[in-house]
Amino acid sequence: MIEARHLRVLRAVSAAGSFSAAARELGCTQPAVSQQMKALELSVGTPLLVRTGREMRLTQAGGALVRHAAGILAGLTAAEEEVAAIAGLRAGRVRLVSFPSGSSTLVPTALAAMRAAHPGTRVSLVEAEPPSSVDMLREGDCEIALAFRYPEVRGADPAAEAEWDDLVVRPLLTDRLVGLVPEGHRLADAARVAIGELAGEAWIAGCPRCRRHLVEVCESAGFTPRIDFATDDYPAVIGLVGAGLGVAVLPELAVESVRPKGARTVRLDPVVQREIVALTLPDLERVPAVAAMLDQLAGAARR
């Protein structure tokens, strides 16, 4: 195998004309230069230098290797500089995937802080709900996935508990769910509403994961919700409630990102909440730009 250090010595010998002159240029001893040239010739299996009087000249193979060495060493230098820039957060990229209510609340603050602290690092954003966002992380389509999960209502589910076992999980915050009712609703001014009091209402449900959790919560309260409308778009949920077409349960992050026109939020009893986390792969956690972005997301959650 040809080593970069051997190529550097070969170029120095070629330019200086002798082992001793190359040694002075490289700041090492003449025997060290001689040993490295012997190692290189052994590696390639053919002589690279011949002595003519006091000077060394290249063989045909040596000349070919020196010509290629310039490009190889230049490429290595460029690679070393690029890696150093990435390691020092002067360059690099992070691909972030987030669910919509996270994109409109946590992510902007985190991105602004990241840009201010590390302007050379480029962060891109696309939206996807879990589990699709988690699949994207595992498939190499992003470095960080902002995701959420609900506590198990009917007892532990081993599959759910193992869902993220292969990932690095950075907890960010607990997002409480609130009830959403039309402004003229009989419970609009209630300080706290037991979810069972909404048993006879028409329901508007969100994403599939949220919808499944809603059904579990309602069934644990003794009823099955009549879901008339379902949409992944939180503003659409709020709009449908505001138009008097039903009630809903939404995360506070989702309500915070949209001005509820014609709708009122109410606190639920029992308290329902979800865990917001940032996910990455163990190897990616050690990448400086990824680690810095995780820290900025945690900072945005605290704020």
C-alpha atoms as a PDB file:
ATOM      1  CA  MET A   1       0.000   0.000   0.000  1.00  0.00           C
ATOM      2  CA  ILE A   2       1.323   3.447  -0.935  1.00  0.00           C
ATOM      3  CA  GLU A   3       1.392   5.819   2.027  1.00  0.00           C
ATOM      4  CA  ALA A   4       1.078   9.585   1.775  1.00  0.00           C
ATOM      5  CA  ARG A   5       4.211  10.143   3.880  1.00  0.00           C
ATOM      6  CA  HIS A   6       6.250   8.100   1.400  1.00  0.00           C
ATOM      7  CA  LEU A   7       4.918  10.143  -1.505  1.00  0.00           C
ATOM      8  CA  ARG A   8       5.923  13.371   0.239  1.00  0.00           C
ATOM      9  CA  VAL A   9       9.454  12.081   0.712  1.00  0.00           C
ATOM     10  CA  LEU A  10       9.652  10.908  -2.923  1.00  0.00           C
ATOM     11  CA  ARG A  11       8.630  14.348  -4.156  1.00  0.00           C
ATOM     12  CA  ALA A  12      11.207  15.978  -1.899  1.00  0.00           C
ATOM     13  CA  VAL A  13      13.991  13.669  -3.198  1.00  0.00           C
ATOM     14  CA  SER A  14      12.916  14.336  -6.771  1.00  0.00           C
ATOM     15  CA  ALA A  15      12.978  18.123  -6.234  1.00  0.00           C
ATOM     16  CA  ALA A  16      16.174  18.228  -4.119  1.00  0.00           C
ATOM     17  CA  GLY A  17      18.160  15.654  -6.089  1.00  0.00           C
ATOM     18  CA  SER A  18      19.545  13.702  -3.129  1.00  0.00           C
ATOM     19  CA  PHE A  19      18.579  11.990   0.108  1.00  0.00           C
ATOM     20  CA  SER A  20      20.609  14.413   2.217  1.00  0.00           C
ATOM     21  CA  ALA A  21      19.117  17.527   0.583  1.00  0.00           C
ATOM     22  CA  ALA A  22      15.615  16.089   0.901  1.00  0.00           C
ATOM     23  CA  ALA A  23      16.288  15.313   4.573  1.00  0.00           C
ATOM     24  CA  ARG A  24      17.267  18.936   5.222  1.00  0.00           C
ATOM     25  CA  GLU A  25      14.090  20.152   3.502  1.00  0.00           C
ATOM     26  CA  LEU A  26      11.897  17.735   5.433  1.00  0.00           C
ATOM     27  CA  GLY A  27      13.640  18.299   8.763  1.00  0.00           C
ATOM     28  CA  CYS A  28      14.637  14.678   9.300  1.00  0.00           C
ATOM     29  CA  THR A  29      17.771  12.521   8.936  1.00  0.00           C
ATOM     30  CA  GLN A  30      19.226  11.131   5.717  1.00  0.00           C
ATOM     31  CA  PRO A  31      18.847   7.512   6.925  1.00  0.00           C
ATOM     32  CA  ALA A  32      15.150   8.161   7.594  1.00  0.00           C
ATOM     33  CA  VAL A  33      14.685   9.353   4.011  1.00  0.00           C
ATOM     34  CA  SER A  34      16.564   6.297   2.702  1.00  0.00           C
ATOM     35  CA  GLN A  35      14.426   3.922   4.787  1.00  0.00           C
ATOM     36  CA  GLN A  36      11.168   5.495   3.581  1.00  0.00           C
ATOM     37  CA  MET A  37      12.259   5.214  -0.066  1.00  0.00           C
ATOM     38  CA  LYS A  38      13.152   1.557   0.442  1.00  0.00           C
ATOM     39  CA  ALA A  39       9.720   0.971   2.002  1.00  0.00           C
ATOM     40  CA  LEU A  40       8.001   2.688  -0.936  1.00  0.00           C
ATOM     41  CA  GLU A  41       9.956   0.668  -3.519  1.00  0.00           C
ATOM     42  CA  LEU A  42       9.110  -2.512  -1.633  1.00  0.00           C
ATOM     43  CA  SER A  43       5.442  -1.494  -1.625  1.00  0.00           C
ATOM     44  CA  VAL A  44       5.244  -0.849  -5.399  1.00  0.00           C
ATOM     45  CA  GLY A  45       7.583  -3.719  -6.313  1.00  0.00           C
ATOM     46  CA  THR A  46       9.953  -1.797  -8.583  1.00  0.00           C
ATOM     47  CA  PRO A  47      12.873   0.675  -8.289  1.00  0.00           C
ATOM     48  CA  LEU A  48      11.882   4.331  -8.213  1.00  0.00           C
ATOM     49  CA  LEU A  49      15.295   6.013  -7.889  1.00  0.00           C
ATOM     50  CA  VAL A  50      18.752   5.409  -9.307  1.00  0.00           C
ATOM     51  CA  ARG A  51      21.980   7.082  -8.141  1.00  0.00           C
ATOM     52  CA  THR A  52      24.000   8.958 -10.768  1.00  0.00           C
ATOM     53  CA  GLY A  53      27.126  10.306  -9.098  1.00  0.00           C
ATOM     54  CA  ARG A  54      26.051  12.370  -6.134  1.00  0.00           C
ATOM     55  CA  GLU A  55      22.473  12.831  -7.359  1.00  0.00           C
ATOM     56  CA  MET A  56      19.414  10.681  -7.526  1.00  0.00           C
ATOM     57  CA  ARG A  57      17.219  10.499 -10.570  1.00  0.00           C
ATOM     58  CA  LEU A  58      13.805   8.977 -11.059  1.00  0.00           C
ATOM     59  CA  THR A  59      13.186   5.779 -12.938  1.00  0.00           C
ATOM     60  CA  GLN A  60      10.239   5.681 -15.352  1.00  0.00           C
ATOM     61  CA  ALA A  61       8.077   4.255 -12.559  1.00  0.00           C
ATOM     62  CA  GLY A  62       9.371   6.912 -10.154  1.00  0.00           C
ATOM     63  CA  GLY A  63       8.507   9.682 -12.591  1.00  0.00           C
ATOM     64  CA  ALA A  64       4.971   8.322 -13.031  1.00  0.00           C
ATOM     65  CA  LEU A  65       4.486   8.130  -9.286  1.00  0.00           C
ATOM     66  CA  VAL A  66       5.737  11.698  -8.745  1.00  0.00           C
ATOM     67  CA  ARG A  67       3.308  12.975 -11.406  1.00  0.00           C
ATOM     68  CA  HIS A  68       0.410  11.299  -9.627  1.00  0.00           C
ATOM     69  CA  ALA A  69       1.688  12.280  -6.193  1.00  0.00           C
ATOM     70  CA  ALA A  70       0.943  15.961  -6.788  1.00  0.00           C
ATOM     71  CA  GLY A  71      -2.768  15.324  -7.286  1.00  0.00           C
ATOM     72  CA  ILE A  72      -2.964  12.717  -4.528  1.00  0.00           C
ATOM     73  CA  LEU A  73      -1.283  14.934  -1.940  1.00  0.00           C
ATOM     74  CA  ALA A  74      -3.322  17.962  -2.999  1.00  0.00           C
ATOM     75  CA  GLY A  75      -6.502  15.922  -2.596  1.00  0.00           C
ATOM     76  CA  LEU A  76      -5.418  14.696   0.834  1.00  0.00           C
ATOM     77  CA  THR A  77      -4.597  18.230   1.926  1.00  0.00           C
ATOM     78  CA  ALA A  78      -8.006  19.451   0.752  1.00  0.00           C
ATOM     79  CA  ALA A  79      -9.701  16.547   2.546  1.00  0.00           C
ATOM     80  CA  GLU A  80      -7.777  17.252   5.764  1.00  0.00           C
ATOM     81  CA  GLU A  81      -8.741  20.931   5.621  1.00  0.00           C
ATOM     82  CA  GLU A  82     -12.393  20.106   4.954  1.00  0.00           C
ATOM     83  CA  VAL A  83     -12.547  17.583   7.796  1.00  0.00           C
ATOM     84  CA  ALA A  84     -10.854  20.069  10.115  1.00  0.00           C
ATOM     85  CA  ALA A  85     -13.415  22.710   9.123  1.00  0.00           C
ATOM     86  CA  ILE A  86     -16.280  20.307   9.818  1.00  0.00           C
ATOM     87  CA  ALA A  87     -14.761  19.211  13.120  1.00  0.00           C
ATOM     88  CA  GLY A  88     -14.311  22.859  14.080  1.00  0.00           C
ATOM     89  CA  LEU A  89     -17.895  23.731  13.003  1.00  0.00           C
ATOM     90  CA  ARG A  90     -16.608  26.083  10.298  1.00  0.00           C
ATOM     91  CA  ALA A  91     -18.404  23.899   7.742  1.00  0.00           C
ATOM     92  CA  GLY A  92     -20.699  20.904   7.561  1.00  0.00           C
ATOM     93  CA  ARG A  93     -24.385  20.184   7.222  1.00  0.00           C
ATOM     94  CA  VAL A  94     -27.232  18.779   9.270  1.00  0.00           C
ATOM     95  CA  ARG A  95     -30.434  17.464   7.714  1.00  0.00           C
ATOM     96  CA  LEU A  96     -33.310  17.854  10.170  1.00  0.00           C
ATOM     97  CA  VAL A  97     -36.743  16.233   9.899  1.00  0.00           C
ATOM     98  CA  SER A  98     -39.528  17.542  12.129  1.00  0.00           C
ATOM     99  CA  PHE A  99     -43.260  17.108  12.640  1.00  0.00           C
ATOM    100  CA  PRO A 100     -45.251  20.267  11.717  1.00  0.00           C
ATOM    101  CA  SER A 101     -45.974  21.711  15.166  1.00  0.00           C
ATOM    102  CA  GLY A 102     -42.312  21.258  16.091  1.00  0.00           C
ATOM    103  CA  SER A 103     -41.291  22.991  12.856  1.00  0.00           C
ATOM    104  CA  SER A 104     -43.309  26.073  13.731  1.00  0.00           C
ATOM    105  CA  THR A 105     -42.338  26.337  17.427  1.00  0.00           C
ATOM    106  CA  LEU A 106     -39.076  24.670  18.512  1.00  0.00           C
ATOM    107  CA  VAL A 107     -37.206  24.543  15.223  1.00  0.00           C
ATOM    108  CA  PRO A 108     -37.104  28.263  14.229  1.00  0.00           C
ATOM    109  CA  THR A 109     -35.523  29.262  17.554  1.00  0.00           C
ATOM    110  CA  ALA A 110     -33.010  26.419  17.358  1.00  0.00           C
ATOM    111  CA  LEU A 111     -32.077  27.195  13.737  1.00  0.00           C
ATOM    112  CA  ALA A 112     -31.580  30.889  14.466  1.00  0.00           C
ATOM    113  CA  ALA A 113     -29.312  30.066  17.418  1.00  0.00           C
ATOM    114  CA  MET A 114     -27.371  27.526  15.316  1.00  0.00           C
ATOM    115  CA  ARG A 115     -26.797  30.024  12.526  1.00  0.00           C
ATOM    116  CA  ALA A 116     -25.626  32.681  14.980  1.00  0.00           C
ATOM    117  CA  ALA A 117     -23.231  30.304  16.754  1.00  0.00           C
ATOM    118  CA  HIS A 118     -21.970  28.372  13.708  1.00  0.00           C
ATOM    119  CA  PRO A 119     -22.668  30.326  10.489  1.00  0.00           C
ATOM    120  CA  GLY A 120     -20.582  27.922   8.405  1.00  0.00           C
ATOM    121  CA  THR A 121     -22.823  24.952   9.183  1.00  0.00           C
ATOM    122  CA  ARG A 122     -25.775  24.476   6.838  1.00  0.00           C
ATOM    123  CA  VAL A 123     -29.004  23.044   8.263  1.00  0.00           C
ATOM    124  CA  SER A 124     -31.863  21.873   6.041  1.00  0.00           C
ATOM    125  CA  LEU A 125     -35.412  21.051   7.144  1.00  0.00           C
ATOM    126  CA  VAL A 126     -38.146  18.811   5.810  1.00  0.00           C
ATOM    127  CA  GLU A 127     -41.365  17.763   7.530  1.00  0.00           C
ATOM    128  CA  ALA A 128     -42.579  14.265   8.354  1.00  0.00           C
ATOM    129  CA  GLU A 129     -44.564  12.724  11.178  1.00  0.00           C
ATOM    130  CA  PRO A 130     -43.200   9.764  13.147  1.00  0.00           C
ATOM    131  CA  PRO A 131     -42.754   6.926  12.390  1.00  0.00           C
ATOM    132  CA  SER A 132     -41.910   8.118   8.840  1.00  0.00           C
ATOM    133  CA  SER A 133     -39.357  10.592  10.193  1.00  0.00           C
ATOM    134  CA  VAL A 134     -37.697   7.842  12.251  1.00  0.00           C
ATOM    135  CA  ASP A 135     -37.521   5.618   9.166  1.00  0.00           C
ATOM    136  CA  MET A 136     -35.807   8.469   7.309  1.00  0.00           C
ATOM    137  CA  LEU A 137     -33.181   8.672  10.057  1.00  0.00           C
ATOM    138  CA  ARG A 138     -32.466   4.945   9.932  1.00  0.00           C
ATOM    139  CA  GLU A 139     -32.294   4.993   6.117  1.00  0.00           C
ATOM    140  CA  GLY A 140     -29.725   7.798   6.078  1.00  0.00           C
ATOM    141  CA  ASP A 141     -32.000  10.552   4.756  1.00  0.00           C
ATOM    142  CA  CYS A 142     -31.377  12.847   7.739  1.00  0.00           C
ATOM    143  CA  GLU A 143     -29.086  13.264  10.725  1.00  0.00           C
ATOM    144  CA  ILE A 144     -31.709  14.333  13.307  1.00  0.00           C
ATOM    145  CA  ALA A 145     -35.406  13.505  13.583  1.00  0.00           C
ATOM    146  CA  LEU A 146     -37.650  15.540  15.851  1.00  0.00           C
ATOM    147  CA  ALA A 147     -40.348  13.144  17.006  1.00  0.00           C
ATOM    148  CA  PHE A 148     -42.908  12.479  19.703  1.00  0.00           C
ATOM    149  CA  ARG A 149     -44.471   9.531  21.466  1.00  0.00           C
ATOM    150  CA  TYR A 150     -47.431   9.035  23.755  1.00  0.00           C
ATOM    151  CA  PRO A 151     -47.447   7.029  26.979  1.00  0.00           C
ATOM    152  CA  GLU A 152     -49.135   3.682  26.713  1.00  0.00           C
ATOM    153  CA  VAL A 153     -52.736   4.011  27.884  1.00  0.00           C
ATOM    154  CA  ARG A 154     -53.549   0.297  28.105  1.00  0.00           C
ATOM    155  CA  GLY A 155     -50.317  -0.881  29.684  1.00  0.00           C
ATOM    156  CA  ALA A 156     -46.844  -1.519  28.395  1.00  0.00           C
ATOM    157  CA  ASP A 157     -46.454  -2.502  24.755  1.00  0.00           C
ATOM    158  CA  PRO A 158     -43.059  -4.246  24.318  1.00  0.00           C
ATOM    159  CA  ALA A 159     -42.917  -3.260  20.636  1.00  0.00           C
ATOM    160  CA  ALA A 160     -43.554   0.393  21.472  1.00  0.00           C
ATOM    161  CA  GLU A 161     -41.004   0.360  24.282  1.00  0.00           C
ATOM    162  CA  ALA A 162     -38.336  -1.001  21.904  1.00  0.00           C
ATOM    163  CA  GLU A 163     -39.251   1.403  19.117  1.00  0.00           C
ATOM    164  CA  TRP A 164     -36.164   3.624  19.553  1.00  0.00           C
ATOM    165  CA  ASP A 165     -33.773   1.208  21.271  1.00  0.00           C
ATOM    166  CA  ASP A 166     -31.170   1.520  18.493  1.00  0.00           C
ATOM    167  CA  LEU A 167     -31.237   5.339  18.537  1.00  0.00           C
ATOM    168  CA  VAL A 168     -29.850   8.128  20.683  1.00  0.00           C
ATOM    169  CA  VAL A 169     -32.862   9.763  22.353  1.00  0.00           C
ATOM    170  CA  ARG A 170     -32.486  13.368  23.554  1.00  0.00           C
ATOM    171  CA  PRO A 171     -35.603  14.308  25.603  1.00  0.00           C
ATOM    172  CA  LEU A 172     -36.658  17.903  24.915  1.00  0.00           C
ATOM    173  CA  LEU A 173     -39.960  18.600  26.660  1.00  0.00           C
ATOM    174  CA  THR A 174     -43.311  17.229  27.738  1.00  0.00           C
ATOM    175  CA  ASP A 175     -46.112  18.613  25.598  1.00  0.00           C
ATOM    176  CA  ARG A 176     -49.491  18.660  27.351  1.00  0.00           C
ATOM    177  CA  LEU A 177     -52.612  18.000  25.302  1.00  0.00           C
ATOM    178  CA  VAL A 178     -55.588  20.337  25.609  1.00  0.00           C
ATOM    179  CA  GLY A 179     -59.200  20.082  24.584  1.00  0.00           C
ATOM    180  CA  LEU A 180     -60.456  22.324  21.805  1.00  0.00           C
ATOM    181  CA  VAL A 181     -64.152  23.289  21.644  1.00  0.00           C
ATOM    182  CA  PRO A 182     -66.130  25.905  19.694  1.00  0.00           C
ATOM    183  CA  GLU A 183     -66.449  29.305  21.411  1.00  0.00           C
ATOM    184  CA  GLY A 184     -70.160  28.827  22.084  1.00  0.00           C
ATOM    185  CA  HIS A 185     -69.760  25.300  23.434  1.00  0.00           C
ATOM    186  CA  ARG A 186     -71.320  24.468  26.813  1.00  0.00           C
ATOM    187  CA  LEU A 187     -67.843  23.713  28.238  1.00  0.00           C
ATOM    188  CA  ALA A 188     -65.970  26.629  26.658  1.00  0.00           C
ATOM    189  CA  ASP A 189     -65.580  28.456  29.986  1.00  0.00           C
ATOM    190  CA  ALA A 190     -64.901  25.429  32.168  1.00  0.00           C
ATOM    191  CA  ALA A 191     -61.705  25.514  34.214  1.00  0.00           C
ATOM    192  CA  ARG A 192     -61.160  21.798  33.634  1.00  0.00           C
ATOM    193  CA  VAL A 193     -63.037  19.243  31.556  1.00  0.00           C
ATOM    194  CA  ALA A 194     -63.178  15.499  32.154  1.00  0.00           C
ATOM    195  CA  ILE A 195     -62.719  13.876  28.785  1.00  0.00           C
ATOM    196  CA  GLY A 196     -65.784  11.731  29.459  1.00  0.00           C
ATOM    197  CA  GLU A 197     -67.906  14.905  29.326  1.00  0.00           C
ATOM    198  CA  LEU A 198     -67.164  15.034  25.586  1.00  0.00           C
ATOM    199  CA  ALA A 199     -68.387  11.488  24.967  1.00  0.00           C
ATOM    200  CA  GLY A 200     -71.379  12.462  22.853  1.00  0.00           C
ATOM    201  CA  GLU A 201     -69.545  15.003  20.675  1.00  0.00           C
ATOM    202  CA  ALA A 202     -68.448  14.782  17.091  1.00  0.00           C
ATOM    203  CA  TRP A 203     -64.641  14.534  17.027  1.00  0.00           C
ATOM    204  CA  ILE A 204     -61.975  15.906  14.722  1.00  0.00           C
ATOM    205  CA  ALA A 205     -58.797  13.811  14.827  1.00  0.00           C
ATOM    206  CA  GLY A 206     -55.230  14.502  13.781  1.00  0.00           C
ATOM    207  CA  CYS A 207     -52.387  12.349  12.428  1.00  0.00           C
ATOM    208  CA  PRO A 208     -52.709   8.527  12.562  1.00  0.00           C
ATOM    209  CA  ARG A 209     -50.544   8.222  15.680  1.00  0.00           C
ATOM    210  CA  CYS A 210     -52.481  11.020  17.415  1.00  0.00           C
ATOM    211  CA  ARG A 211     -55.769   9.501  16.290  1.00  0.00           C
ATOM    212  CA  ARG A 212     -54.856   6.102  17.740  1.00  0.00           C
ATOM    213  CA  HIS A 213     -53.888   7.675  21.032  1.00  0.00           C
ATOM    214  CA  LEU A 214     -57.130   9.710  21.134  1.00  0.00           C
ATOM    215  CA  VAL A 215     -59.194   6.530  20.735  1.00  0.00           C
ATOM    216  CA  GLU A 216     -57.220   4.807  23.513  1.00  0.00           C
ATOM    217  CA  VAL A 217     -57.673   7.741  25.909  1.00  0.00           C
ATOM    218  CA  CYS A 218     -61.404   7.959  25.207  1.00  0.00           C
ATOM    219  CA  GLU A 219     -61.909   4.223  25.535  1.00  0.00           C
ATOM    220  CA  SER A 220     -60.083   4.253  28.863  1.00  0.00           C
ATOM    221  CA  ALA A 221     -62.660   6.870  29.925  1.00  0.00           C
ATOM    222  CA  GLY A 222     -65.493   4.548  28.919  1.00  0.00           C
ATOM    223  CA  PHE A 223     -66.512   5.646  25.422  1.00  0.00           C
ATOM    224  CA  THR A 224     -65.450   5.401  21.790  1.00  0.00           C
ATOM    225  CA  PRO A 225     -65.197   8.781  20.053  1.00  0.00           C
ATOM    226  CA  ARG A 226     -67.258   9.373  16.929  1.00  0.00           C
ATOM    227  CA  ILE A 227     -64.630  10.742  14.558  1.00  0.00           C
ATOM    228  CA  ASP A 228     -66.364  12.728  11.814  1.00  0.00           C
ATOM    229  CA  PHE A 229     -63.260  14.378  10.382  1.00  0.00           C
ATOM    230  CA  ALA A 230     -59.552  13.454  10.331  1.00  0.00           C
ATOM    231  CA  THR A 231     -56.683  15.564   9.037  1.00  0.00           C
ATOM    232  CA  ASP A 232     -52.925  15.798   9.583  1.00  0.00           C
ATOM    233  CA  ASP A 233     -53.165  19.594   9.248  1.00  0.00           C
ATOM    234  CA  TYR A 234     -53.438  21.221  12.696  1.00  0.00           C
ATOM    235  CA  PRO A 235     -54.764  24.559  11.358  1.00  0.00           C
ATOM    236  CA  ALA A 236     -57.490  22.561   9.597  1.00  0.00           C
ATOM    237  CA  VAL A 237     -58.413  20.837  12.882  1.00  0.00           C
ATOM    238  CA  ILE A 238     -58.657  24.201  14.620  1.00  0.00           C
ATOM    239  CA  GLY A 239     -60.656  25.638  11.726  1.00  0.00           C
ATOM    240  CA  LEU A 240     -63.144  22.779  11.835  1.00  0.00           C
ATOM    241  CA  VAL A 241     -63.591  23.188  15.586  1.00  0.00           C
ATOM    242  CA  GLY A 242     -63.949  26.961  15.165  1.00  0.00           C
ATOM    243  CA  ALA A 243     -66.694  26.365  12.612  1.00  0.00           C
ATOM    244  CA  GLY A 244     -68.635  24.377  15.227  1.00  0.00           C
ATOM    245  CA  LEU A 245     -68.176  21.023  13.513  1.00  0.00           C
ATOM    246  CA  GLY A 246     -66.803  19.130  16.484  1.00  0.00           C
ATOM    247  CA  VAL A 247     -64.273  18.994  19.310  1.00  0.00           C
ATOM    248  CA  ALA A 248     -60.652  17.903  19.325  1.00  0.00           C
ATOM    249  CA  VAL A 249     -57.650  17.205  21.509  1.00  0.00           C
ATOM    250  CA  LEU A 250     -54.422  18.844  20.353  1.00  0.00           C
ATOM    251  CA  PRO A 251     -50.902  19.272  21.733  1.00  0.00           C
ATOM    252  CA  GLU A 252     -50.193  22.716  23.160  1.00  0.00           C
ATOM    253  CA  LEU A 253     -47.366  23.122  20.641  1.00  0.00           C
ATOM    254  CA  ALA A 254     -49.894  22.768  17.826  1.00  0.00           C
ATOM    255  CA  VAL A 255     -52.266  25.319  19.365  1.00  0.00           C
ATOM    256  CA  GLU A 256     -49.358  27.672  20.030  1.00  0.00           C
ATOM    257  CA  SER A 257     -48.404  27.642  16.364  1.00  0.00           C
ATOM    258  CA  VAL A 258     -51.901  28.675  15.171  1.00  0.00           C
ATOM    259  CA  ARG A 259     -54.213  31.422  16.414  1.00  0.00           C
ATOM    260  CA  PRO A 260     -57.406  29.501  17.313  1.00  0.00           C
ATOM    261  CA  LYS A 261     -60.114  31.540  15.610  1.00  0.00           C
ATOM    262  CA  GLY A 262     -63.592  30.663  16.881  1.00  0.00           C
ATOM    263  CA  ALA A 263     -62.239  27.933  19.165  1.00  0.00           C
ATOM    264  CA  ARG A 264     -61.407  27.763  22.883  1.00  0.00           C
ATOM    265  CA  THR A 265     -58.866  25.580  24.647  1.00  0.00           C
ATOM    266  CA  VAL A 266     -59.803  23.748  27.864  1.00  0.00           C
ATOM    267  CA  ARG A 267     -57.677  21.756  30.298  1.00  0.00           C
ATOM    268  CA  LEU A 268     -58.365  18.041  30.310  1.00  0.00           C
ATOM    269  CA  ASP A 269     -58.835  15.657  33.193  1.00  0.00           C
ATOM    270  CA  PRO A 270     -56.992  13.334  33.379  1.00  0.00           C
ATOM    271  CA  VAL A 271     -53.885  15.128  32.124  1.00  0.00           C
ATOM    272  CA  VAL A 272     -52.815  13.813  28.733  1.00  0.00           C
ATOM    273  CA  GLN A 273     -49.365  14.533  27.362  1.00  0.00           C
ATOM    274  CA  ARG A 274     -46.745  13.437  24.873  1.00  0.00           C
ATOM    275  CA  GLU A 275     -42.948  13.368  25.002  1.00  0.00           C
ATOM    276  CA  ILE A 276     -41.034  15.464  22.457  1.00  0.00           C
ATOM    277  CA  VAL A 277     -37.551  14.132  21.625  1.00  0.00           C
ATOM    278  CA  ALA A 278     -34.713  14.606  19.180  1.00  0.00           C
ATOM    279  CA  LEU A 279     -33.391  11.361  17.700  1.00  0.00           C
ATOM    280  CA  THR A 280     -30.113  10.530  15.996  1.00  0.00           C
ATOM    281  CA  LEU A 281     -27.889   7.505  15.408  1.00  0.00           C
ATOM    282  CA  PRO A 282     -25.081   6.684  17.870  1.00  0.00           C
ATOM    283  CA  ASP A 283     -22.322   7.340  15.305  1.00  0.00           C
ATOM    284  CA  LEU A 284     -23.900  10.626  14.224  1.00  0.00           C
ATOM    285  CA  GLU A 285     -24.058  11.898  17.798  1.00  0.00           C
ATOM    286  CA  ARG A 286     -20.260  12.282  17.698  1.00  0.00           C
ATOM    287  CA  VAL A 287     -20.343  14.531  14.616  1.00  0.00           C
ATOM    288  CA  PRO A 288     -19.758  18.094  15.900  1.00  0.00           C
ATOM    289  CA  ALA A 289     -22.462  19.751  13.773  1.00  0.00           C
ATOM    290  CA  VAL A 290     -25.059  17.160  14.828  1.00  0.00           C
ATOM    291  CA  ALA A 291     -24.105  17.495  18.498  1.00  0.00           C
ATOM    292  CA  ALA A 292     -24.345  21.289  18.245  1.00  0.00           C
ATOM    293  CA  MET A 293     -27.791  21.106  16.610  1.00  0.00           C
ATOM    294  CA  LEU A 294     -29.034  18.751  19.333  1.00  0.00           C
ATOM    295  CA  ASP A 295     -27.848  21.251  21.934  1.00  0.00           C
ATOM    296  CA  GLN A 296     -29.661  24.103  20.171  1.00  0.00           C
ATOM    297  CA  LEU A 297     -32.900  22.100  20.053  1.00  0.00           C
ATOM    298  CA  ALA A 298     -32.575  21.403  23.769  1.00  0.00           C
ATOM    299  CA  GLY A 299     -31.972  25.102  24.377  1.00  0.00           C
ATOM    300  CA  ALA A 300     -35.040  26.047  22.339  1.00  0.00           C
ATOM    301  CA  ALA A 301     -37.130  23.590  24.351  1.00  0.00           C
ATOM    302  CA  ARG A 302     -35.944  25.117  27.627  1.00  0.00           C
ATOM    303  CA  ARG A 303     -36.833  28.593  26.400  1.00  0.00           C
END
